Amino acid sequence: MAKWHKAVLAAALGVAVTAAAGLAVAQADIIKARQEGMKAQGAAMAAIKKVVDENGPAANAVAPAETIAATAAKVPGLFPKGSDKGAETWAKPEIWANWADFEKQAAASKAAAEKLAASAKAGNMDAVKADFAALGGTCGSCHRPYRTPKS
């Protein structure tokens, strides 16, 4: 093999290795970002549960409900194809096999959180309680088919 062929081959191999390493880092970053988003949603749900358990004030549920709506809007973007690999993810391949439904579930969570925020802004604790239960249902509707249970 000519020297210049070896040099071209070595350069191409270097680019491929660098791209693969970059992809692994990007994948780890996206997994970390979505886990942080889900943790933020969990903390927000806990804050709303406290408001519900203490029967108010409803206004204390506004910010956490808005956090859930904002993070739910980002959910589909946090699951690019191929990001179901790695020990640090609980994402099931069903997400990408049923992408339209996955997006629908994220939109349902966003809508439910927005409804809860509106009820909380209005000061209606009965509606906050009902909307909190509905929001929890949307979480489960996505987690059951699309997340591997944590052991």
C-alpha atoms as a PDB file:
ATOM      1  CA  MET A   1       0.000   0.000   0.000  1.00  0.00           C
ATOM      2  CA  ALA A   2       1.356   3.407  -0.940  1.00  0.00           C
ATOM      3  CA  LYS A   3       2.328   5.797   1.848  1.00  0.00           C
ATOM      4  CA  TRP A   4      -0.366   8.251   0.869  1.00  0.00           C
ATOM      5  CA  HIS A   5      -2.997   5.473   1.023  1.00  0.00           C
ATOM      6  CA  LYS A   6      -1.906   4.653   4.554  1.00  0.00           C
ATOM      7  CA  ALA A   7      -2.081   8.308   5.521  1.00  0.00           C
ATOM      8  CA  VAL A   8      -5.604   8.677   4.079  1.00  0.00           C
ATOM      9  CA  LEU A   9      -6.717   5.466   5.795  1.00  0.00           C
ATOM     10  CA  ALA A  10      -5.242   6.602   9.118  1.00  0.00           C
ATOM     11  CA  ALA A  11      -6.932  10.002   8.817  1.00  0.00           C
ATOM     12  CA  ALA A  12     -10.289   8.434   7.975  1.00  0.00           C
ATOM     13  CA  LEU A  13      -9.984   6.029  10.886  1.00  0.00           C
ATOM     14  CA  GLY A  14      -9.122   8.930  13.202  1.00  0.00           C
ATOM     15  CA  VAL A  15     -12.208  10.851  12.073  1.00  0.00           C
ATOM     16  CA  ALA A  16     -14.410   7.790  12.599  1.00  0.00           C
ATOM     17  CA  VAL A  17     -13.045   7.170  16.100  1.00  0.00           C
ATOM     18  CA  THR A  18     -13.448  10.838  17.021  1.00  0.00           C
ATOM     19  CA  ALA A  19     -17.028  10.888  15.691  1.00  0.00           C
ATOM     20  CA  ALA A  20     -17.899   7.723  17.626  1.00  0.00           C
ATOM     21  CA  ALA A  21     -16.438   9.175  20.817  1.00  0.00           C
ATOM     22  CA  GLY A  22     -18.378  12.403  20.248  1.00  0.00           C
ATOM     23  CA  LEU A  23     -21.578  10.434  19.706  1.00  0.00           C
ATOM     24  CA  ALA A  24     -21.050   8.530  22.970  1.00  0.00           C
ATOM     25  CA  VAL A  25     -20.517  11.800  24.857  1.00  0.00           C
ATOM     26  CA  ALA A  26     -23.545  13.408  23.199  1.00  0.00           C
ATOM     27  CA  GLN A  27     -25.656  10.358  24.047  1.00  0.00           C
ATOM     28  CA  ALA A  28     -24.500  10.456  27.679  1.00  0.00           C
ATOM     29  CA  ASP A  29     -25.304  14.181  27.783  1.00  0.00           C
ATOM     30  CA  ILE A  30     -28.835  13.692  26.416  1.00  0.00           C
ATOM     31  CA  ILE A  31     -29.504  10.853  28.869  1.00  0.00           C
ATOM     32  CA  LYS A  32     -28.288  13.046  31.718  1.00  0.00           C
ATOM     33  CA  ALA A  33     -30.434  15.966  30.507  1.00  0.00           C
ATOM     34  CA  ARG A  34     -33.585  13.870  30.342  1.00  0.00           C
ATOM     35  CA  GLN A  35     -32.901  12.356  33.769  1.00  0.00           C
ATOM     36  CA  GLU A  36     -32.501  15.852  35.185  1.00  0.00           C
ATOM     37  CA  GLY A  37     -35.800  16.834  33.552  1.00  0.00           C
ATOM     38  CA  MET A  38     -37.558  13.828  35.035  1.00  0.00           C
ATOM     39  CA  LYS A  39     -36.070  14.554  38.465  1.00  0.00           C
ATOM     40  CA  ALA A  40     -37.368  18.127  38.180  1.00  0.00           C
ATOM     41  CA  GLN A  41     -40.809  16.740  37.320  1.00  0.00           C
ATOM     42  CA  GLY A  42     -40.654  14.378  40.306  1.00  0.00           C
ATOM     43  CA  ALA A  43     -39.712  17.203  42.663  1.00  0.00           C
ATOM     44  CA  ALA A  44     -42.517  19.338  41.234  1.00  0.00           C
ATOM     45  CA  MET A  45     -45.019  16.508  41.717  1.00  0.00           C
ATOM     46  CA  ALA A  46     -43.867  16.154  45.330  1.00  0.00           C
ATOM     47  CA  ALA A  47     -44.362  19.890  45.868  1.00  0.00           C
ATOM     48  CA  ILE A  48     -47.881  19.731  44.439  1.00  0.00           C
ATOM     49  CA  LYS A  49     -48.669  16.659  46.533  1.00  0.00           C
ATOM     50  CA  LYS A  50     -47.692  18.632  49.624  1.00  0.00           C
ATOM     51  CA  VAL A  51     -50.116  21.399  48.623  1.00  0.00           C
ATOM     52  CA  VAL A  52     -52.853  18.811  48.061  1.00  0.00           C
ATOM     53  CA  ASP A  53     -52.124  16.990  51.336  1.00  0.00           C
ATOM     54  CA  GLU A  54     -52.162  20.270  53.273  1.00  0.00           C
ATOM     55  CA  ASN A  55     -55.277  21.476  51.417  1.00  0.00           C
ATOM     56  CA  GLY A  56     -53.570  24.579  50.087  1.00  0.00           C
ATOM     57  CA  PRO A  57     -52.836  27.242  49.514  1.00  0.00           C
ATOM     58  CA  ALA A  58     -53.518  26.546  45.851  1.00  0.00           C
ATOM     59  CA  ALA A  59     -51.104  29.261  44.742  1.00  0.00           C
ATOM     60  CA  ASN A  60     -48.215  27.103  45.967  1.00  0.00           C
ATOM     61  CA  ALA A  61     -48.961  24.620  43.180  1.00  0.00           C
ATOM     62  CA  VAL A  62     -48.569  27.156  40.362  1.00  0.00           C
ATOM     63  CA  ALA A  63     -44.773  27.127  39.969  1.00  0.00           C
ATOM     64  CA  PRO A  64     -44.366  23.352  40.217  1.00  0.00           C
ATOM     65  CA  ALA A  65     -47.195  22.803  37.714  1.00  0.00           C
ATOM     66  CA  GLU A  66     -45.543  25.263  35.336  1.00  0.00           C
ATOM     67  CA  THR A  67     -42.233  23.394  35.766  1.00  0.00           C
ATOM     68  CA  ILE A  68     -43.935  20.154  34.750  1.00  0.00           C
ATOM     69  CA  ALA A  69     -45.565  21.799  31.725  1.00  0.00           C
ATOM     70  CA  ALA A  70     -42.225  23.234  30.606  1.00  0.00           C
ATOM     71  CA  THR A  71     -40.310  19.985  31.028  1.00  0.00           C
ATOM     72  CA  ALA A  72     -43.074  17.915  29.410  1.00  0.00           C
ATOM     73  CA  ALA A  73     -42.832  20.146  26.335  1.00  0.00           C
ATOM     74  CA  LYS A  74     -39.136  19.204  26.056  1.00  0.00           C
ATOM     75  CA  VAL A  75     -39.582  15.453  26.534  1.00  0.00           C
ATOM     76  CA  PRO A  76     -39.695  14.347  22.882  1.00  0.00           C
ATOM     77  CA  GLY A  77     -36.494  16.273  22.146  1.00  0.00           C
ATOM     78  CA  LEU A  78     -34.742  14.468  24.979  1.00  0.00           C
ATOM     79  CA  PHE A  79     -35.242  11.093  23.312  1.00  0.00           C
ATOM     80  CA  PRO A  80     -33.377  11.151  19.986  1.00  0.00           C
ATOM     81  CA  LYS A  81     -33.131   7.817  18.172  1.00  0.00           C
ATOM     82  CA  GLY A  82     -30.364   5.651  19.568  1.00  0.00           C
ATOM     83  CA  SER A  83     -30.458   7.133  23.066  1.00  0.00           C
ATOM     84  CA  ASP A  84     -31.912   3.943  24.519  1.00  0.00           C
ATOM     85  CA  LYS A  85     -28.448   2.431  24.897  1.00  0.00           C
ATOM     86  CA  GLY A  86     -26.397   2.495  28.058  1.00  0.00           C
ATOM     87  CA  ALA A  87     -26.633   1.421  31.653  1.00  0.00           C
ATOM     88  CA  GLU A  88     -27.886   4.817  32.748  1.00  0.00           C
ATOM     89  CA  THR A  89     -31.168   4.851  30.859  1.00  0.00           C
ATOM     90  CA  TRP A  90     -34.510   3.254  31.545  1.00  0.00           C
ATOM     91  CA  ALA A  91     -35.908   4.196  28.135  1.00  0.00           C
ATOM     92  CA  LYS A  92     -37.530   1.279  26.350  1.00  0.00           C
ATOM     93  CA  PRO A  93     -37.191   0.749  22.589  1.00  0.00           C
ATOM     94  CA  GLU A  94     -40.988   1.037  22.427  1.00  0.00           C
ATOM     95  CA  ILE A  95     -40.533   4.820  22.549  1.00  0.00           C
ATOM     96  CA  TRP A  96     -39.110   4.888  19.040  1.00  0.00           C
ATOM     97  CA  ALA A  97     -41.345   2.073  17.770  1.00  0.00           C
ATOM     98  CA  ASN A  98     -44.421   4.054  18.904  1.00  0.00           C
ATOM     99  CA  TRP A  99     -43.097   7.582  18.472  1.00  0.00           C
ATOM    100  CA  ALA A 100     -46.448   9.238  17.666  1.00  0.00           C
ATOM    101  CA  ASP A 101     -47.998   7.838  20.843  1.00  0.00           C
ATOM    102  CA  PHE A 102     -44.941   8.850  22.878  1.00  0.00           C
ATOM    103  CA  GLU A 103     -45.307  12.432  21.629  1.00  0.00           C
ATOM    104  CA  LYS A 104     -49.042  12.276  22.381  1.00  0.00           C
ATOM    105  CA  GLN A 105     -48.319  11.186  25.973  1.00  0.00           C
ATOM    106  CA  ALA A 106     -45.842  14.054  26.474  1.00  0.00           C
ATOM    107  CA  ALA A 107     -48.413  16.520  25.102  1.00  0.00           C
ATOM    108  CA  ALA A 108     -51.076  15.103  27.439  1.00  0.00           C
ATOM    109  CA  SER A 109     -48.785  15.648  30.437  1.00  0.00           C
ATOM    110  CA  LYS A 110     -48.072  19.201  29.332  1.00  0.00           C
ATOM    111  CA  ALA A 111     -51.803  19.933  28.909  1.00  0.00           C
ATOM    112  CA  ALA A 112     -52.649  18.392  32.287  1.00  0.00           C
ATOM    113  CA  ALA A 113     -49.935  20.425  34.010  1.00  0.00           C
ATOM    114  CA  GLU A 114     -51.155  23.612  32.347  1.00  0.00           C
ATOM    115  CA  LYS A 115     -54.703  22.875  33.504  1.00  0.00           C
ATOM    116  CA  LEU A 116     -53.462  22.305  37.045  1.00  0.00           C
ATOM    117  CA  ALA A 117     -51.509  25.581  36.949  1.00  0.00           C
ATOM    118  CA  ALA A 118     -54.651  27.436  35.829  1.00  0.00           C
ATOM    119  CA  SER A 119     -56.699  25.885  38.648  1.00  0.00           C
ATOM    120  CA  ALA A 120     -53.998  26.804  41.139  1.00  0.00           C
ATOM    121  CA  LYS A 121     -53.862  30.399  39.858  1.00  0.00           C
ATOM    122  CA  ALA A 122     -57.640  30.589  40.283  1.00  0.00           C
ATOM    123  CA  GLY A 123     -57.271  29.390  43.875  1.00  0.00           C
ATOM    124  CA  ASN A 124     -59.570  26.423  43.328  1.00  0.00           C
ATOM    125  CA  MET A 125     -58.271  23.657  45.619  1.00  0.00           C
ATOM    126  CA  ASP A 126     -60.939  21.152  44.575  1.00  0.00           C
ATOM    127  CA  ALA A 127     -59.839  21.548  40.955  1.00  0.00           C
ATOM    128  CA  VAL A 128     -56.153  21.400  41.968  1.00  0.00           C
ATOM    129  CA  LYS A 129     -56.780  18.053  43.644  1.00  0.00           C
ATOM    130  CA  ALA A 130     -58.639  16.655  40.638  1.00  0.00           C
ATOM    131  CA  ASP A 131     -56.080  18.051  38.197  1.00  0.00           C
ATOM    132  CA  PHE A 132     -53.214  16.620  40.257  1.00  0.00           C
ATOM    133  CA  ALA A 133     -54.767  13.165  40.040  1.00  0.00           C
ATOM    134  CA  ALA A 134     -55.247  13.580  36.283  1.00  0.00           C
ATOM    135  CA  LEU A 135     -51.646  14.732  35.877  1.00  0.00           C
ATOM    136  CA  GLY A 136     -50.414  11.688  37.794  1.00  0.00           C
ATOM    137  CA  GLY A 137     -52.410   9.540  35.404  1.00  0.00           C
ATOM    138  CA  THR A 138     -50.597  11.037  32.432  1.00  0.00           C
ATOM    139  CA  CYS A 139     -47.260  10.237  34.048  1.00  0.00           C
ATOM    140  CA  GLY A 140     -48.243   6.606  34.435  1.00  0.00           C
ATOM    141  CA  SER A 141     -49.639   6.446  30.895  1.00  0.00           C
ATOM    142  CA  CYS A 142     -46.160   7.188  29.634  1.00  0.00           C
ATOM    143  CA  HIS A 143     -44.029   5.398  32.216  1.00  0.00           C
ATOM    144  CA  ARG A 144     -45.831   2.051  31.984  1.00  0.00           C
ATOM    145  CA  PRO A 145     -45.207   1.436  28.284  1.00  0.00           C
ATOM    146  CA  TYR A 146     -42.012   3.452  27.811  1.00  0.00           C
ATOM    147  CA  ARG A 147     -39.851   3.179  30.940  1.00  0.00           C
ATOM    148  CA  THR A 148     -38.178   0.104  32.302  1.00  0.00           C
ATOM    149  CA  PRO A 149     -39.095  -0.167  35.990  1.00  0.00           C
ATOM    150  CA  LYS A 150     -36.271   0.792  38.334  1.00  0.00           C
ATOM    151  CA  SER A 151     -35.256  -2.140  40.468  1.00  0.00           C
END
